[in-house]
Structure formats: C-alpha cells, structure tokens
Protein backbone atom coordinates (compact mmCIF):
# COMPACT_ATOMS: atom_id res chain seq x y z
CA MET A 1 -0.08 0.13 0.11
CA GLN A 2 1.25 3.38 -0.88
CA ASP A 3 1.52 6.24 1.59
CA GLY A 4 -1.71 8.34 1.72
CA GLU A 5 -3.91 5.25 0.22
CA PRO A 6 -7.00 4.94 2.49
CA LEU A 7 -6.96 1.87 4.61
CA VAL A 8 -9.81 -0.65 4.00
CA ASP A 9 -11.74 -2.29 6.48
CA MET A 10 -12.09 -6.09 5.71
CA ASN A 11 -14.63 -6.38 8.43
CA ALA A 12 -17.12 -3.63 7.54
CA PRO A 13 -20.65 -5.10 6.58
CA VAL A 14 -21.46 -5.27 2.63
CA ARG A 15 -23.86 -2.52 1.77
CA LEU A 16 -26.48 -2.42 -1.08
CA ARG A 17 -24.07 0.18 -2.66
CA ASP A 18 -21.39 -2.54 -2.98
CA ARG A 19 -23.35 -5.02 -4.97
CA PRO A 20 -24.49 -3.42 -8.33
CA GLY A 21 -26.52 -6.71 -9.25
CA TRP A 22 -28.94 -6.22 -6.18
CA ILE A 23 -29.15 -2.47 -6.59
CA TYR A 24 -30.27 -2.89 -10.61
CA LEU A 25 -32.72 -5.66 -9.33
CA ILE A 26 -34.33 -3.27 -6.29
CA GLN A 27 -34.43 -0.41 -9.17
CA GLU A 28 -36.71 -2.67 -11.17
CA PHE A 29 -38.83 -3.35 -8.42
CA GLU A 30 -39.03 0.52 -7.80
CA MET A 31 -39.98 1.07 -11.30
CA MET A 32 -42.53 -1.69 -11.57
CA TYR A 33 -44.21 0.00 -8.51
CA ARG A 34 -44.10 3.85 -9.77
CA LEU A 35 -44.99 3.04 -13.60
CA GLY A 36 -47.47 0.33 -13.63
CA SER A 37 -51.09 0.84 -14.36
CA ALA A 38 -53.73 0.76 -11.66
CA GLY A 39 -56.43 -0.16 -13.88
CA GLY A 40 -59.10 1.89 -12.32
CA SER A 41 -58.42 0.44 -8.72
CA LYS A 42 -58.43 2.75 -6.04
CA ALA A 43 -56.78 0.10 -3.68
CA ILE A 44 -53.69 -0.62 -5.96
CA PRO A 45 -52.24 2.85 -6.42
CA SER A 46 -52.53 3.00 -2.50
CA HIS A 47 -50.57 -0.25 -2.38
CA ARG A 48 -47.95 0.85 -4.79
CA LYS A 49 -47.27 4.11 -2.92
CA ARG A 50 -46.84 1.99 0.39
CA VAL A 51 -44.28 -0.22 -1.41
CA ARG A 52 -42.57 2.68 -2.95
CA ASP A 53 -42.43 4.48 0.43
CA ALA A 54 -41.20 1.43 2.37
CA LEU A 55 -38.47 0.50 -0.62
CA GLY A 56 -37.38 4.32 -0.59
CA LYS A 57 -36.77 4.33 3.31
CA VAL A 58 -34.82 1.07 2.96
CA ILE A 59 -32.55 2.42 -0.01
CA ASP A 60 -32.02 5.47 2.21
CA GLU A 61 -30.76 3.31 4.99
CA GLY A 62 -28.23 1.84 2.97
CA PRO A 63 -29.05 -1.85 3.93
CA GLU A 64 -26.65 -4.49 4.63
CA VAL A 65 -26.48 -7.33 2.26
CA ILE A 66 -25.51 -10.88 3.58
CA ALA A 67 -24.85 -13.71 1.26
CA ARG A 68 -26.91 -16.75 1.83
CA THR A 69 -26.29 -20.29 0.69
CA PRO A 70 -27.63 -20.35 -3.11
CA GLU A 71 -30.15 -23.25 -3.19
CA ASP A 72 -31.81 -24.93 -6.29
CA LYS A 73 -35.27 -26.73 -5.98
CA PRO A 74 -36.81 -29.18 -8.33
CA VAL A 75 -38.60 -26.28 -10.25
CA THR A 76 -35.56 -24.20 -10.98
CA ALA A 77 -35.01 -26.68 -13.66
CA HIS A 78 -37.88 -24.17 -15.34
CA LEU A 79 -36.15 -21.06 -14.52
CA GLY A 80 -34.12 -20.83 -17.59
CA ARG A 81 -37.43 -21.16 -19.68
CA ALA A 82 -38.88 -18.45 -17.77
CA PHE A 83 -36.12 -16.01 -18.28
CA ASP A 84 -36.70 -16.91 -22.13
CA LEU A 85 -40.47 -15.85 -21.93
CA GLY A 86 -39.67 -12.97 -19.38
CA ASP A 87 -37.09 -11.23 -22.18
CA ARG A 88 -39.77 -11.38 -24.75
CA GLY A 89 -42.12 -9.63 -22.73
CA PRO A 90 -43.19 -6.39 -20.89
CA MET A 91 -41.07 -7.22 -17.91
CA SER A 92 -37.67 -7.98 -19.93
CA GLY A 93 -35.98 -5.48 -17.58
CA MET A 94 -37.05 -7.52 -14.45
CA SER A 95 -36.03 -10.80 -16.04
CA ARG A 96 -32.81 -9.91 -16.75
CA ALA A 97 -31.99 -8.20 -13.67
CA LEU A 98 -32.81 -11.36 -11.91
CA GLU A 99 -31.10 -13.62 -14.56
CA ARG A 100 -27.85 -11.91 -13.57
CA VAL A 101 -28.01 -12.58 -9.82
CA ALA A 102 -29.77 -16.12 -10.51
CA PRO A 103 -26.60 -17.93 -9.21
CA LEU A 104 -26.79 -16.18 -5.94
CA LEU A 105 -30.34 -17.05 -5.14
CA THR A 106 -31.74 -19.23 -2.29
CA TRP A 107 -34.82 -21.25 -3.49
CA GLU A 108 -37.20 -22.53 -0.51
CA TYR A 109 -40.37 -23.68 0.15
CA GLY A 110 -41.38 -21.40 3.52
CA TYR A 111 -43.93 -24.30 4.81
CA GLU A 112 -43.12 -26.91 7.16
CA LYS A 113 -45.04 -29.38 5.44
CA VAL A 114 -45.18 -29.23 1.38
CA PRO A 115 -47.38 -31.59 -0.41
CA LYS A 116 -44.87 -34.16 -2.41
CA ALA A 117 -46.32 -33.29 -5.88
CA LEU A 118 -45.93 -29.29 -5.16
CA ALA A 119 -42.45 -29.80 -3.85
CA GLN A 120 -41.53 -30.62 -7.58
CA LYS A 121 -43.57 -27.63 -9.04
CA TYR A 122 -43.09 -24.62 -6.44
CA ALA A 123 -40.38 -22.64 -4.78
CA TYR A 124 -39.74 -18.92 -4.16
CA CYS A 125 -36.81 -16.87 -3.36
CA GLU A 126 -36.54 -13.85 -0.98
CA VAL A 127 -34.25 -10.95 -2.39
CA LEU A 128 -35.21 -8.29 0.32
CA GLY A 129 -36.52 -8.64 3.27
CA PRO A 130 -35.70 -9.96 6.82
CA ARG A 131 -34.10 -13.23 5.44
CA GLY A 132 -32.17 -11.19 2.87
CA PRO A 133 -29.69 -11.17 1.08
CA VAL A 134 -30.41 -7.44 1.12
CA VAL A 135 -31.80 -7.10 4.85
CA SER A 136 -34.66 -5.13 5.99
CA ASP A 137 -37.70 -5.54 8.27
CA ARG A 138 -39.63 -2.84 6.29
CA ILE A 139 -40.69 -4.78 3.52
CA THR A 140 -40.17 -7.93 1.85
CA LEU A 141 -39.43 -8.51 -2.05
CA GLY A 142 -39.10 -11.58 -3.75
CA PHE A 143 -40.10 -14.15 -6.42
CA VAL A 144 -42.17 -17.48 -6.89
CA LEU A 145 -41.67 -19.82 -9.71
CA PHE A 146 -44.22 -22.27 -10.74
CA ALA A 147 -43.98 -25.18 -13.26
CA PRO A 148 -46.62 -25.79 -15.96
CA ASN A 149 -50.11 -27.23 -14.92
CA THR A 150 -49.45 -26.04 -11.35
CA THR A 151 -52.13 -25.58 -8.63
CA TYR A 152 -50.85 -23.83 -5.43
CA PRO A 153 -53.46 -24.65 -2.90
CA GLN A 154 -55.67 -21.95 -0.92
CA HIS A 155 -54.01 -19.92 1.63
CA SER A 156 -53.83 -16.69 2.99
CA HIS A 157 -51.73 -14.04 4.89
CA HIS A 158 -52.35 -12.72 8.24
CA ASP A 159 -51.62 -9.00 8.64
CA ILE A 160 -49.48 -8.96 5.55
CA GLU A 161 -50.55 -6.91 2.29
CA GLU A 162 -49.49 -9.06 -0.59
CA SER A 163 -49.26 -8.08 -4.41
CA TYR A 164 -48.01 -10.32 -7.15
CA VAL A 165 -46.73 -8.79 -10.65
CA SER A 166 -46.26 -11.36 -13.45
CA VAL A 167 -42.96 -11.47 -14.97
CA ALA A 168 -43.21 -14.60 -17.26
CA GLY A 169 -46.07 -17.12 -17.99
CA ALA A 170 -49.64 -16.91 -17.57
CA TRP A 171 -51.63 -17.67 -14.43
CA SER A 172 -55.09 -17.35 -12.38
CA GLU A 173 -56.14 -16.46 -9.23
CA ASN A 174 -58.99 -18.39 -7.80
CA GLU A 175 -59.46 -19.50 -11.46
CA LEU A 176 -61.59 -16.18 -11.92
CA ALA A 177 -59.10 -14.64 -15.05
CA VAL A 178 -56.23 -15.12 -16.92
CA TYR A 179 -53.14 -12.98 -15.84
CA ALA A 180 -50.23 -11.96 -18.47
CA PRO A 181 -46.91 -10.36 -17.73
CA GLY A 182 -47.18 -7.25 -16.17
CA SER A 183 -50.26 -7.95 -14.38
CA LEU A 184 -50.56 -7.11 -10.80
CA ILE A 185 -53.00 -8.83 -8.23
CA LEU A 186 -53.53 -7.47 -4.71
CA ASN A 187 -54.22 -9.62 -1.94
CA VAL A 188 -55.13 -7.91 1.30
CA PRO A 189 -54.47 -9.55 4.59
CA GLY A 190 -56.62 -12.51 5.21
CA HIS A 191 -57.75 -12.79 1.64
CA GLU A 192 -58.00 -16.51 0.83
CA HIS A 193 -56.18 -17.50 -2.92
CA ARG A 194 -55.37 -19.85 -4.77
CA ILE A 195 -53.00 -19.76 -7.80
CA THR A 196 -52.95 -22.03 -11.27
CA THR A 197 -50.82 -21.78 -13.86
CA GLY A 198 -50.98 -22.92 -17.56
CA GLU A 199 -50.36 -26.15 -19.17
CA HIS A 200 -47.28 -25.34 -21.25
CA ASP A 201 -45.07 -22.67 -19.72
CA PRO A 202 -43.76 -22.02 -16.44
CA CYS A 203 -44.96 -18.88 -14.28
CA LEU A 204 -42.49 -16.39 -12.61
CA LEU A 205 -44.25 -13.91 -10.29
CA ALA A 206 -42.80 -11.09 -8.52
CA TYR A 207 -44.35 -10.31 -5.09
CA ALA A 208 -43.98 -7.54 -2.38
CA TRP A 209 -45.25 -8.18 1.38
CA ILE A 210 -46.02 -4.97 3.46
CA GLY A 211 -46.77 -5.48 7.12
CA PRO A 212 -45.48 -5.60 10.80
CA ALA A 213 -41.69 -6.35 11.27
CA ASP A 214 -42.68 -9.49 13.34
CA LYS A 215 -45.12 -10.88 10.72
CA LEU A 216 -42.33 -10.37 7.98
CA THR A 217 -39.81 -12.12 9.74
CA ALA A 218 -42.01 -15.18 10.60
CA PRO A 219 -45.11 -14.90 8.39
CA GLY A 220 -46.16 -18.55 9.66
CA MET A 221 -47.28 -19.57 6.10
CA LYS A 222 -49.77 -22.60 6.24
CA PHE A 223 -52.14 -23.79 3.48
CA SER A 224 -55.83 -23.56 4.31
CA LYS A 225 -57.85 -26.35 5.41
CA THR A 226 -60.15 -27.86 3.18
CA LYS A 227 -63.40 -27.24 5.16
CA LYS A 228 -62.74 -23.60 4.81
CA ARG A 229 -62.27 -23.81 0.96
CA VAL A 230 -65.62 -25.71 0.84
CA GLU A 231 -67.58 -23.08 2.88
CA GLN A 232 -66.34 -20.64 0.78
CA GLY A 233 -67.22 -22.11 -2.49
CA ILE A 234 -63.91 -22.13 -3.80
C-alpha cells in the first residue's frame, strides 16, 4: 500500500451500494411499482405507494447485504425457460436483472409441510427482507416460480398485504381470470387465494409483502383447511 491510500476495513459489513447486481434488481421493483397501471382501482395505487415509500426508506438506510447459501429446488429446472419468456415481454428488464443474480438465489418452500407433488413444481426466493440477502424488516420482495400445470393451494397471509406481478407466463388466481406478464394482483390481509398456471409454460411472479416487522420475519405460512375452502365455495 502506498502512503496516503485509505485503509479498507475488511470486517465492515457489505452494503447494497457495494453490490450492483442487487441494486439494479431493486431498481426494477421500484420502477414496477411506480410506473405500472392501476387499471381503475383505488386500492392498487395506495398499495403501490406504500411499497415505494417502504422501499425508498430501505434504500436511504443503505441496507446490509448478507450472502446466503445458494440453493435450487426441482422447479428451478424451469427457470431458464421463464427467463426466455420474460425477455420477450413487458417485464424484460426485471427478467434480465433477476437472471444476472440467479446463481446467488436461495430457493425454498416456506412451509413446514409441502405436498410431495407441489415440492416438484413450486419454490420462492426472497431478495429483500428479514431473510435477505438485502436485509430489511420494512418490506419483503421476492419471486415465486411455478412449473407448468401447477395448482398452488388455497392460503392467506395474516396481517400481510401482498401483491403479485407476473414477470413471465400466464396464471390465474381463484380461477377467475387469466393474467399476463405485467399484471398485478393485490391480496389484502386474510384474503383466501389459490394460484393455477397454464399447461405448457412455467410462471414467474414477483411479489411484495407489507406488514408488521414480526410478521415479515415469521409469516407463519400455512395452507388453508379443506373445510374452509368448501365453505367459501372455492
């Protein structure tokens, strides 16, 4: 080292500003929630603003980045195809930003018990939140990947406001409509919902969770009981 050069603290925490790949991915989330259409809804613009406000505070804080052990699940064999589809559509920027950090992603299930068939066709990865790698207890951002012809069982999130935005592939929620890339679905706390995907292509969804810090840290993810689904006529 030459005289006058600043010392580098090798034990200093790694911050978001030090990891451009994560910065660009988070920027894609910010643009998605800033520029996306509300489609005439009054609830969705409010949700978009809450996401942007929380994300802005996270960025201003300069969050720590903690490397997690990368992990695949059987469904990640479909990830390359999802990126191919994403690159062709309106979410190409998000698709490419995620593809660049794909080797660093930790795919998981989030449930203590996952049906054997679903374990082959579903997984999610958190990119910002209590479980990092970009660490924050203000908001959770991540992605869910589904194989073709998947049914993600009925479930809800207590005290967590959730939105999905399709990055690649078509999907339905509660079988009421077909949503294409760029579509946003808002699920208020406690809303029961089930996801189904098309027969031929995988589906990649970006998601945002807003809620109390303790719920974001330990959301207690559980599938709904069959009786409850029947009572709701779903």
